[in-house]
PDB file of all heavy atoms in Angstrom:
ATOM      1  N   ALA A   1       0.838  -1.188   0.000  1.00  0.00           N
ATOM      2  CA  ALA A   1       0.000   0.000   0.000  1.00  0.00           C
ATOM      3  C   ALA A   1       0.875   1.240   0.000  1.00  0.00           C
ATOM      4  O   ALA A   1       1.782   1.363   0.822  1.00  0.00           O
ATOM      5  CB  ALA A   1      -0.917  -0.004   1.215  1.00  0.00           C
ATOM      6  N   ALA A   2       0.608   2.152  -0.909  1.00  0.00           N
ATOM      7  CA  ALA A   2       1.426   3.342  -1.078  1.00  0.00           C
ATOM      8  C   ALA A   2       0.646   4.605  -0.755  1.00  0.00           C
ATOM      9  O   ALA A   2      -0.540   4.715  -1.076  1.00  0.00           O
ATOM     10  CB  ALA A   2       1.955   3.424  -2.501  1.00  0.00           C
ATOM     11  N   SER A   3       1.335   5.533  -0.136  1.00  0.00           N
ATOM     12  CA  SER A   3       0.786   6.863   0.060  1.00  0.00           C
ATOM     13  C   SER A   3       1.198   7.736  -1.113  1.00  0.00           C
ATOM     14  O   SER A   3       2.007   7.339  -1.949  1.00  0.00           O
ATOM     15  CB  SER A   3       1.285   7.461   1.375  1.00  0.00           C
ATOM     16  OG  SER A   3       2.684   7.684   1.323  1.00  0.00           O
ATOM     17  N   GLY A   4       0.647   8.932  -1.178  1.00  0.00           N
ATOM     18  CA  GLY A   4       1.020   9.850  -2.233  1.00  0.00           C
ATOM     19  C   GLY A   4       0.003   9.912  -3.354  1.00  0.00           C
ATOM     20  O   GLY A   4      -0.747   8.961  -3.591  1.00  0.00           O
ATOM     21  N   ARG A   5       0.030  11.007  -4.064  1.00  0.00           N
ATOM     22  CA  ARG A   5      -0.935  11.244  -5.132  1.00  0.00           C
ATOM     23  C   ARG A   5      -0.392  10.929  -6.519  1.00  0.00           C
ATOM     24  O   ARG A   5      -1.122  11.046  -7.502  1.00  0.00           O
ATOM     25  CB  ARG A   5      -1.392  12.700  -5.085  1.00  0.00           C
ATOM     26  CG  ARG A   5      -2.075  13.069  -3.791  1.00  0.00           C
ATOM     27  CD  ARG A   5      -2.362  14.550  -3.709  1.00  0.00           C
ATOM     28  NE  ARG A   5      -2.968  14.910  -2.435  1.00  0.00           N
ATOM     29  CZ  ARG A   5      -3.251  16.134  -2.049  1.00  0.00           C
ATOM     30  NH1 ARG A   5      -2.975  17.155  -2.856  1.00  0.00           N
ATOM     31  NH2 ARG A   5      -3.799  16.354  -0.867  1.00  0.00           N
ATOM     32  N   SER A   6       0.863  10.556  -6.587  1.00  0.00           N
ATOM     33  CA  SER A   6       1.493  10.275  -7.866  1.00  0.00           C
ATOM     34  C   SER A   6       1.785   8.802  -8.063  1.00  0.00           C
ATOM     35  O   SER A   6       2.588   8.439  -8.920  1.00  0.00           O
ATOM     36  CB  SER A   6       2.793  11.082  -8.008  1.00  0.00           C
ATOM     37  OG  SER A   6       2.538  12.467  -7.963  1.00  0.00           O
ATOM     38  N   PHE A   7       1.123   7.957  -7.295  1.00  0.00           N
ATOM     39  CA  PHE A   7       1.377   6.530  -7.366  1.00  0.00           C
ATOM     40  C   PHE A   7       1.233   5.987  -8.779  1.00  0.00           C
ATOM     41  O   PHE A   7       2.016   5.151  -9.217  1.00  0.00           O
ATOM     42  CB  PHE A   7       0.433   5.778  -6.429  1.00  0.00           C
ATOM     43  CG  PHE A   7       0.540   4.287  -6.541  1.00  0.00           C
ATOM     44  CD1 PHE A   7       1.559   3.600  -5.911  1.00  0.00           C
ATOM     45  CD2 PHE A   7      -0.387   3.567  -7.293  1.00  0.00           C
ATOM     46  CE1 PHE A   7       1.665   2.220  -6.009  1.00  0.00           C
ATOM     47  CE2 PHE A   7      -0.289   2.191  -7.395  1.00  0.00           C
ATOM     48  CZ  PHE A   7       0.740   1.516  -6.753  1.00  0.00           C
ATOM     49  N   SER A   8       0.229   6.465  -9.490  1.00  0.00           N
ATOM     50  CA  SER A   8      -0.038   5.933 -10.817  1.00  0.00           C
ATOM     51  C   SER A   8       1.084   6.206 -11.810  1.00  0.00           C
ATOM     52  O   SER A   8       1.141   5.566 -12.863  1.00  0.00           O
ATOM     53  CB  SER A   8      -1.355   6.490 -11.357  1.00  0.00           C
ATOM     54  OG  SER A   8      -1.297   7.899 -11.483  1.00  0.00           O
ATOM     55  N   SER A   9       1.973   7.130 -11.498  1.00  0.00           N
ATOM     56  CA  SER A   9       3.086   7.443 -12.383  1.00  0.00           C
ATOM     57  C   SER A   9       4.355   6.675 -12.033  1.00  0.00           C
ATOM     58  O   SER A   9       5.355   6.785 -12.750  1.00  0.00           O
ATOM     59  CB  SER A   9       3.386   8.942 -12.368  1.00  0.00           C
ATOM     60  OG  SER A   9       3.914   9.350 -11.119  1.00  0.00           O
ATOM     61  N   TYR A  10       4.335   5.914 -10.959  1.00  0.00           N
ATOM     62  CA  TYR A  10       5.511   5.174 -10.516  1.00  0.00           C
ATOM     63  C   TYR A  10       5.560   3.787 -11.129  1.00  0.00           C
ATOM     64  O   TYR A  10       4.540   3.112 -11.245  1.00  0.00           O
ATOM     65  CB  TYR A  10       5.508   4.988  -8.998  1.00  0.00           C
ATOM     66  CG  TYR A  10       5.452   6.242  -8.172  1.00  0.00           C
ATOM     67  CD1 TYR A  10       4.928   6.197  -6.884  1.00  0.00           C
ATOM     68  CD2 TYR A  10       5.920   7.451  -8.648  1.00  0.00           C
ATOM     69  CE1 TYR A  10       4.877   7.328  -6.100  1.00  0.00           C
ATOM     70  CE2 TYR A  10       5.862   8.595  -7.871  1.00  0.00           C
ATOM     71  CZ  TYR A  10       5.342   8.529  -6.598  1.00  0.00           C
ATOM     72  OH  TYR A  10       5.288   9.657  -5.824  1.00  0.00           O
ATOM     73  N   SER A  11       6.756   3.374 -11.472  1.00  0.00           N
ATOM     74  CA  SER A  11       6.988   1.959 -11.690  1.00  0.00           C
ATOM     75  C   SER A  11       7.227   1.324 -10.326  1.00  0.00           C
ATOM     76  O   SER A  11       7.766   1.962  -9.426  1.00  0.00           O
ATOM     77  CB  SER A  11       8.187   1.735 -12.596  1.00  0.00           C
ATOM     78  OG  SER A  11       7.911   2.179 -13.911  1.00  0.00           O
ATOM     79  N   MET A  12       6.835   0.076 -10.184  1.00  0.00           N
ATOM     80  CA  MET A  12       6.919  -0.592  -8.894  1.00  0.00           C
ATOM     81  C   MET A  12       7.646  -1.914  -9.024  1.00  0.00           C
ATOM     82  O   MET A  12       7.539  -2.596 -10.038  1.00  0.00           O
ATOM     83  CB  MET A  12       5.520  -0.839  -8.330  1.00  0.00           C
ATOM     84  CG  MET A  12       4.667   0.414  -8.178  1.00  0.00           C
ATOM     85  SD  MET A  12       5.315   1.558  -6.929  1.00  0.00           S
ATOM     86  CE  MET A  12       5.155   0.563  -5.446  1.00  0.00           C
ATOM     87  N   GLY A  13       8.351  -2.260  -7.968  1.00  0.00           N
ATOM     88  CA  GLY A  13       9.081  -3.512  -7.976  1.00  0.00           C
ATOM     89  C   GLY A  13       8.982  -4.248  -6.660  1.00  0.00           C
ATOM     90  O   GLY A  13       8.679  -3.662  -5.619  1.00  0.00           O
ATOM     91  N   TRP A  14       9.229  -5.539  -6.736  1.00  0.00           N
ATOM     92  CA  TRP A  14       9.363  -6.387  -5.558  1.00  0.00           C
ATOM     93  C   TRP A  14      10.769  -6.977  -5.549  1.00  0.00           C
ATOM     94  O   TRP A  14      11.239  -7.493  -6.568  1.00  0.00           O
ATOM     95  CB  TRP A  14       8.350  -7.529  -5.555  1.00  0.00           C
ATOM     96  CG  TRP A  14       6.945  -7.124  -5.229  1.00  0.00           C
ATOM     97  CD1 TRP A  14       5.933  -6.871  -6.095  1.00  0.00           C
ATOM     98  CD2 TRP A  14       6.399  -6.957  -3.917  1.00  0.00           C
ATOM     99  NE1 TRP A  14       4.787  -6.554  -5.420  1.00  0.00           N
ATOM    100  CE2 TRP A  14       5.045  -6.597  -4.078  1.00  0.00           C
ATOM    101  CE3 TRP A  14       6.914  -7.080  -2.624  1.00  0.00           C
ATOM    102  CZ2 TRP A  14       4.205  -6.354  -2.988  1.00  0.00           C
ATOM    103  CZ3 TRP A  14       6.078  -6.835  -1.549  1.00  0.00           C
ATOM    104  CH2 TRP A  14       4.744  -6.477  -1.740  1.00  0.00           C
ATOM    105  N   PHE A  15      11.396  -6.900  -4.391  1.00  0.00           N
ATOM    106  CA  PHE A  15      12.692  -7.509  -4.163  1.00  0.00           C
ATOM    107  C   PHE A  15      12.604  -8.385  -2.926  1.00  0.00           C
ATOM    108  O   PHE A  15      11.676  -8.252  -2.123  1.00  0.00           O
ATOM    109  CB  PHE A  15      13.773  -6.443  -3.970  1.00  0.00           C
ATOM    110  CG  PHE A  15      14.111  -5.678  -5.220  1.00  0.00           C
ATOM    111  CD1 PHE A  15      13.266  -4.690  -5.694  1.00  0.00           C
ATOM    112  CD2 PHE A  15      15.275  -5.954  -5.920  1.00  0.00           C
ATOM    113  CE1 PHE A  15      13.567  -3.985  -6.847  1.00  0.00           C
ATOM    114  CE2 PHE A  15      15.592  -5.257  -7.075  1.00  0.00           C
ATOM    115  CZ  PHE A  15      14.744  -4.274  -7.538  1.00  0.00           C
ATOM    116  N   ARG A  16      13.572  -9.252  -2.769  1.00  0.00           N
ATOM    117  CA  ARG A  16      13.608 -10.073  -1.567  1.00  0.00           C
ATOM    118  C   ARG A  16      15.043 -10.239  -1.106  1.00  0.00           C
ATOM    119  O   ARG A  16      15.984 -10.126  -1.888  1.00  0.00           O
ATOM    120  CB  ARG A  16      12.961 -11.439  -1.797  1.00  0.00           C
ATOM    121  CG  ARG A  16      13.688 -12.332  -2.786  1.00  0.00           C
ATOM    122  CD  ARG A  16      12.849 -13.566  -3.089  1.00  0.00           C
ATOM    123  NE  ARG A  16      13.528 -14.482  -3.988  1.00  0.00           N
ATOM    124  CZ  ARG A  16      12.966 -15.566  -4.507  1.00  0.00           C
ATOM    125  NH1 ARG A  16      11.708 -15.873  -4.208  1.00  0.00           N
ATOM    126  NH2 ARG A  16      13.662 -16.343  -5.319  1.00  0.00           N
ATOM    127  N   GLN A  17      15.186 -10.520   0.170  1.00  0.00           N
ATOM    128  CA  GLN A  17      16.505 -10.687   0.747  1.00  0.00           C
ATOM    129  C   GLN A  17      16.461 -11.738   1.848  1.00  0.00           C
ATOM    130  O   GLN A  17      15.709 -11.612   2.810  1.00  0.00           O
ATOM    131  CB  GLN A  17      17.030  -9.366   1.305  1.00  0.00           C
ATOM    132  CG  GLN A  17      18.471  -9.411   1.748  1.00  0.00           C
ATOM    133  CD  GLN A  17      19.036  -8.026   1.999  1.00  0.00           C
ATOM    134  OE1 GLN A  17      18.303  -7.075   2.249  1.00  0.00           O
ATOM    135  NE2 GLN A  17      20.349  -7.906   1.929  1.00  0.00           N
ATOM    136  N   ALA A  18      17.264 -12.757   1.679  1.00  0.00           N
ATOM    137  CA  ALA A  18      17.425 -13.783   2.690  1.00  0.00           C
ATOM    138  C   ALA A  18      18.593 -13.408   3.591  1.00  0.00           C
ATOM    139  O   ALA A  18      19.489 -12.670   3.176  1.00  0.00           O
ATOM    140  CB  ALA A  18      17.662 -15.139   2.036  1.00  0.00           C
ATOM    141  N   PRO A  19      18.622 -13.915   4.825  1.00  0.00           N
ATOM    142  CA  PRO A  19      19.714 -13.582   5.747  1.00  0.00           C
ATOM    143  C   PRO A  19      21.079 -13.893   5.155  1.00  0.00           C
ATOM    144  O   PRO A  19      21.305 -14.983   4.630  1.00  0.00           O
ATOM    145  CB  PRO A  19      19.419 -14.456   6.965  1.00  0.00           C
ATOM    146  CG  PRO A  19      17.949 -14.661   6.927  1.00  0.00           C
ATOM    147  CD  PRO A  19      17.612 -14.766   5.464  1.00  0.00           C
ATOM    148  N   GLY A  20      21.975 -12.921   5.226  1.00  0.00           N
ATOM    149  CA  GLY A  20      23.321 -13.102   4.733  1.00  0.00           C
ATOM    150  C   GLY A  20      23.477 -13.040   3.231  1.00  0.00           C
ATOM    151  O   GLY A  20      24.586 -13.224   2.722  1.00  0.00           O
ATOM    152  N   LYS A  21      22.401 -12.777   2.516  1.00  0.00           N
ATOM    153  CA  LYS A  21      22.455 -12.721   1.066  1.00  0.00           C
ATOM    154  C   LYS A  21      22.097 -11.329   0.558  1.00  0.00           C
ATOM    155  O   LYS A  21      21.479 -10.533   1.259  1.00  0.00           O
ATOM    156  CB  LYS A  21      21.522 -13.760   0.449  1.00  0.00           C
ATOM    157  CG  LYS A  21      21.916 -15.191   0.754  1.00  0.00           C
ATOM    158  CD  LYS A  21      21.047 -16.171   0.009  1.00  0.00           C
ATOM    159  CE  LYS A  21      21.482 -17.594   0.280  1.00  0.00           C
ATOM    160  NZ  LYS A  21      20.629 -18.570  -0.446  1.00  0.00           N
ATOM    161  N   GLU A  22      22.480 -11.067  -0.672  1.00  0.00           N
ATOM    162  CA  GLU A  22      22.220  -9.777  -1.286  1.00  0.00           C
ATOM    163  C   GLU A  22      20.769  -9.670  -1.724  1.00  0.00           C
ATOM    164  O   GLU A  22      20.108 -10.671  -2.018  1.00  0.00           O
ATOM    165  CB  GLU A  22      23.151  -9.590  -2.482  1.00  0.00           C
ATOM    166  CG  GLU A  22      23.287  -8.158  -2.947  1.00  0.00           C
ATOM    167  CD  GLU A  22      24.418  -7.992  -3.930  1.00  0.00           C
ATOM    168  OE1 GLU A  22      25.567  -7.883  -3.490  1.00  0.00           O
ATOM    169  OE2 GLU A  22      24.136  -7.982  -5.145  1.00  0.00           O
ATOM    170  N   ARG A  23      20.293  -8.456  -1.762  1.00  0.00           N
ATOM    171  CA  ARG A  23      18.939  -8.193  -2.223  1.00  0.00           C
ATOM    172  C   ARG A  23      18.759  -8.683  -3.656  1.00  0.00           C
ATOM    173  O   ARG A  23      19.589  -8.426  -4.524  1.00  0.00           O
ATOM    174  CB  ARG A  23      18.661  -6.694  -2.126  1.00  0.00           C
ATOM    175  CG  ARG A  23      17.256  -6.275  -2.463  1.00  0.00           C
ATOM    176  CD  ARG A  23      16.984  -4.855  -1.988  1.00  0.00           C
ATOM    177  NE  ARG A  23      18.206  -4.090  -1.851  1.00  0.00           N
ATOM    178  CZ  ARG A  23      18.288  -2.851  -1.395  1.00  0.00           C
ATOM    179  NH1 ARG A  23      17.180  -2.221  -1.019  1.00  0.00           N
ATOM    180  NH2 ARG A  23      19.449  -2.236  -1.304  1.00  0.00           N
ATOM    181  N   GLU A  24      17.667  -9.358  -3.906  1.00  0.00           N
ATOM    182  CA  GLU A  24      17.420 -10.014  -5.176  1.00  0.00           C
ATOM    183  C   GLU A  24      16.142  -9.496  -5.822  1.00  0.00           C
ATOM    184  O   GLU A  24      15.096  -9.399  -5.176  1.00  0.00           O
ATOM    185  CB  GLU A  24      17.318 -11.523  -4.951  1.00  0.00           C
ATOM    186  CG  GLU A  24      16.965 -12.337  -6.173  1.00  0.00           C
ATOM    187  CD  GLU A  24      16.697 -13.789  -5.843  1.00  0.00           C
ATOM    188  OE1 GLU A  24      16.392 -14.088  -4.670  1.00  0.00           O
ATOM    189  OE2 GLU A  24      16.802 -14.631  -6.746  1.00  0.00           O
ATOM    190  N   PHE A  25      16.223  -9.204  -7.095  1.00  0.00           N
ATOM    191  CA  PHE A  25      15.047  -8.782  -7.848  1.00  0.00           C
ATOM    192  C   PHE A  25      14.060  -9.926  -7.977  1.00  0.00           C
ATOM    193  O   PHE A  25      14.442 -11.064  -8.226  1.00  0.00           O
ATOM    194  CB  PHE A  25      15.465  -8.304  -9.240  1.00  0.00           C
ATOM    195  CG  PHE A  25      14.308  -8.080 -10.168  1.00  0.00           C
ATOM    196  CD1 PHE A  25      13.515  -6.955 -10.056  1.00  0.00           C
ATOM    197  CD2 PHE A  25      14.012  -9.005 -11.156  1.00  0.00           C
ATOM    198  CE1 PHE A  25      12.445  -6.747 -10.899  1.00  0.00           C
ATOM    199  CE2 PHE A  25      12.945  -8.809 -12.012  1.00  0.00           C
ATOM    200  CZ  PHE A  25      12.163  -7.682 -11.881  1.00  0.00           C
ATOM    201  N   VAL A  26      12.776  -9.608  -7.830  1.00  0.00           N
ATOM    202  CA  VAL A  26      11.724 -10.604  -7.965  1.00  0.00           C
ATOM    203  C   VAL A  26      10.802 -10.283  -9.143  1.00  0.00           C
ATOM    204  O   VAL A  26      10.615 -11.104 -10.035  1.00  0.00           O
ATOM    205  CB  VAL A  26      10.886 -10.716  -6.675  1.00  0.00           C
ATOM    206  CG1 VAL A  26       9.745 -11.708  -6.865  1.00  0.00           C
ATOM    207  CG2 VAL A  26      11.768 -11.126  -5.503  1.00  0.00           C
ATOM    208  N   ALA A  27      10.225  -9.086  -9.137  1.00  0.00           N
ATOM    209  CA  ALA A  27       9.274  -8.707 -10.174  1.00  0.00           C
ATOM    210  C   ALA A  27       9.128  -7.200 -10.218  1.00  0.00           C
ATOM    211  O   ALA A  27       9.397  -6.507  -9.238  1.00  0.00           O
ATOM    212  CB  ALA A  27       7.914  -9.360  -9.924  1.00  0.00           C
ATOM    213  N   ALA A  28       8.689  -6.683 -11.359  1.00  0.00           N
ATOM    214  CA  ALA A  28       8.448  -5.256 -11.505  1.00  0.00           C
ATOM    215  C   ALA A  28       7.304  -5.023 -12.472  1.00  0.00           C
ATOM    216  O   ALA A  28       6.985  -5.881 -13.300  1.00  0.00           O
ATOM    217  CB  ALA A  28       9.703  -4.533 -11.991  1.00  0.00           C
ATOM    218  N   ILE A  29       6.714  -3.837 -12.375  1.00  0.00           N
ATOM    219  CA  ILE A  29       5.590  -3.485 -13.230  1.00  0.00           C
ATOM    220  C   ILE A  29       5.669  -2.007 -13.573  1.00  0.00           C
ATOM    221  O   ILE A  29       5.995  -1.173 -12.733  1.00  0.00           O
ATOM    222  CB  ILE A  29       4.251  -3.852 -12.543  1.00  0.00           C
ATOM    223  CG1 ILE A  29       3.075  -3.680 -13.506  1.00  0.00           C
ATOM    224  CG2 ILE A  29       4.051  -3.039 -11.269  1.00  0.00           C
ATOM    225  CD1 ILE A  29       1.795  -4.335 -12.991  1.00  0.00           C
ATOM    226  N   SER A  30       5.378  -1.675 -14.824  1.00  0.00           N
ATOM    227  CA  SER A  30       5.418  -0.295 -15.273  1.00  0.00           C
ATOM    228  C   SER A  30       4.244   0.495 -14.701  1.00  0.00           C
ATOM    229  O   SER A  30       3.314  -0.069 -14.123  1.00  0.00           O
ATOM    230  CB  SER A  30       5.398  -0.236 -16.794  1.00  0.00           C
ATOM    231  OG  SER A  30       4.196  -0.793 -17.310  1.00  0.00           O
ATOM    232  N   TRP A  31       4.292   1.810 -14.889  1.00  0.00           N
ATOM    233  CA  TRP A  31       3.255   2.667 -14.294  1.00  0.00           C
ATOM    234  C   TRP A  31       1.857   2.324 -14.785  1.00  0.00           C
ATOM    235  O   TRP A  31       0.881   2.461 -14.042  1.00  0.00           O
ATOM    236  CB  TRP A  31       3.574   4.135 -14.577  1.00  0.00           C
ATOM    237  CG  TRP A  31       3.429   4.517 -16.033  1.00  0.00           C
ATOM    238  CD1 TRP A  31       4.387   4.483 -16.990  1.00  0.00           C
ATOM    239  CD2 TRP A  31       2.235   4.991 -16.667  1.00  0.00           C
ATOM    240  NE1 TRP A  31       3.880   4.897 -18.194  1.00  0.00           N
ATOM    241  CE2 TRP A  31       2.559   5.223 -18.019  1.00  0.00           C
ATOM    242  CE3 TRP A  31       0.937   5.245 -16.229  1.00  0.00           C
ATOM    243  CZ2 TRP A  31       1.623   5.686 -18.936  1.00  0.00           C
ATOM    244  CZ3 TRP A  31      -0.002   5.711 -17.140  1.00  0.00           C
ATOM    245  CH2 TRP A  31       0.351   5.928 -18.476  1.00  0.00           C
ATOM    246  N   SER A  32       1.759   1.909 -16.031  1.00  0.00           N
ATOM    247  CA  SER A  32       0.460   1.595 -16.603  1.00  0.00           C
ATOM    248  C   SER A  32       0.024   0.165 -16.336  1.00  0.00           C
ATOM    249  O   SER A  32      -1.144  -0.177 -16.551  1.00  0.00           O
ATOM    250  CB  SER A  32       0.486   1.832 -18.110  1.00  0.00           C
ATOM    251  OG  SER A  32       1.339   0.901 -18.751  1.00  0.00           O
ATOM    252  N   GLY A  33       0.955  -0.655 -15.894  1.00  0.00           N
ATOM    253  CA  GLY A  33       0.675  -2.063 -15.714  1.00  0.00           C
ATOM    254  C   GLY A  33       0.816  -2.870 -16.982  1.00  0.00           C
ATOM    255  O   GLY A  33       0.610  -4.087 -16.969  1.00  0.00           O
ATOM    256  N   GLY A  34       1.184  -2.205 -18.065  1.00  0.00           N
ATOM    257  CA  GLY A  34       1.275  -2.872 -19.339  1.00  0.00           C
ATOM    258  C   GLY A  34       2.530  -3.695 -19.547  1.00  0.00           C
ATOM    259  O   GLY A  34       2.592  -4.503 -20.481  1.00  0.00           O
ATOM    260  N   ASN A  35       3.520  -3.481 -18.716  1.00  0.00           N
ATOM    261  CA  ASN A  35       4.775  -4.206 -18.816  1.00  0.00           C
ATOM    262  C   ASN A  35       5.136  -4.806 -17.466  1.00  0.00           C
ATOM    263  O   ASN A  35       5.139  -4.099 -16.458  1.00  0.00           O
ATOM    264  CB  ASN A  35       5.898  -3.293 -19.290  1.00  0.00           C
ATOM    265  CG  ASN A  35       5.665  -2.739 -20.679  1.00  0.00           C
ATOM    266  OD1 ASN A  35       5.126  -1.643 -20.837  1.00  0.00           O
ATOM    267  ND2 ASN A  35       6.067  -3.498 -21.684  1.00  0.00           N
ATOM    268  N   THR A  36       5.420  -6.073 -17.473  1.00  0.00           N
ATOM    269  CA  THR A  36       5.842  -6.758 -16.257  1.00  0.00           C
ATOM    270  C   THR A  36       7.147  -7.496 -16.504  1.00  0.00           C
ATOM    271  O   THR A  36       7.453  -7.894 -17.628  1.00  0.00           O
ATOM    272  CB  THR A  36       4.779  -7.738 -15.760  1.00  0.00           C
ATOM    273  OG1 THR A  36       4.489  -8.689 -16.796  1.00  0.00           O
ATOM    274  CG2 THR A  36       3.500  -7.006 -15.380  1.00  0.00           C
ATOM    275  N   TYR A  37       7.899  -7.698 -15.435  1.00  0.00           N
ATOM    276  CA  TYR A  37       9.204  -8.322 -15.511  1.00  0.00           C
ATOM    277  C   TYR A  37       9.369  -9.253 -14.322  1.00  0.00           C
ATOM    278  O   TYR A  37       8.923  -8.946 -13.215  1.00  0.00           O
ATOM    279  CB  TYR A  37      10.308  -7.256 -15.496  1.00  0.00           C
ATOM    280  CG  TYR A  37      10.060  -6.134 -16.471  1.00  0.00           C
ATOM    281  CD1 TYR A  37       9.311  -5.023 -16.096  1.00  0.00           C
ATOM    282  CD2 TYR A  37      10.552  -6.198 -17.771  1.00  0.00           C
ATOM    283  CE1 TYR A  37       9.059  -3.993 -16.994  1.00  0.00           C
ATOM    284  CE2 TYR A  37      10.306  -5.177 -18.673  1.00  0.00           C
ATOM    285  CZ  TYR A  37       9.561  -4.075 -18.282  1.00  0.00           C
ATOM    286  OH  TYR A  37       9.314  -3.061 -19.170  1.00  0.00           O
ATOM    287  N   TYR A  38      10.024 -10.371 -14.560  1.00  0.00           N
ATOM    288  CA  TYR A  38      10.187 -11.363 -13.512  1.00  0.00           C
ATOM    289  C   TYR A  38      11.590 -11.940 -13.510  1.00  0.00           C
ATOM    290  O   TYR A  38      12.216 -12.095 -14.563  1.00  0.00           O
ATOM    291  CB  TYR A  38       9.202 -12.518 -13.690  1.00  0.00           C
ATOM    292  CG  TYR A  38       7.757 -12.109 -13.592  1.00  0.00           C
ATOM    293  CD1 TYR A  38       7.024 -11.804 -14.722  1.00  0.00           C
ATOM    294  CD2 TYR A  38       7.129 -12.037 -12.352  1.00  0.00           C
ATOM    295  CE1 TYR A  38       5.696 -11.421 -14.632  1.00  0.00           C
ATOM    296  CE2 TYR A  38       5.798 -11.658 -12.253  1.00  0.00           C
ATOM    297  CZ  TYR A  38       5.084 -11.351 -13.394  1.00  0.00           C
ATOM    298  OH  TYR A  38       3.763 -10.975 -13.297  1.00  0.00           O
ATOM    299  N   ALA A  39      12.046 -12.261 -12.333  1.00  0.00           N
ATOM    300  CA  ALA A  39      13.263 -13.037 -12.221  1.00  0.00           C
ATOM    301  C   ALA A  39      12.994 -14.443 -12.745  1.00  0.00           C
ATOM    302  O   ALA A  39      11.884 -14.965 -12.616  1.00  0.00           O
ATOM    303  CB  ALA A  39      13.723 -13.100 -10.769  1.00  0.00           C
ATOM    304  N   ASP A  40      14.007 -15.053 -13.333  1.00  0.00           N
ATOM    305  CA  ASP A  40      13.846 -16.397 -13.875  1.00  0.00           C
ATOM    306  C   ASP A  40      13.387 -17.390 -12.809  1.00  0.00           C
ATOM    307  O   ASP A  40      12.631 -18.321 -13.099  1.00  0.00           O
ATOM    308  CB  ASP A  40      15.153 -16.887 -14.489  1.00  0.00           C
ATOM    309  CG  ASP A  40      15.491 -16.183 -15.786  1.00  0.00           C
ATOM    310  OD1 ASP A  40      14.591 -15.563 -16.385  1.00  0.00           O
ATOM    311  OD2 ASP A  40      16.660 -16.258 -16.209  1.00  0.00           O
TER     312      ASP A  40
END
């Protein structure tokens, strides 16, 4: 859940991090929702 009035203009992503490991990309979505990206 995001605050702010410009949320619709943001691209959004999900990352994850396990203990002792580097932050890892999981998924992302463009501002319109028309483009999505996923880690293999």
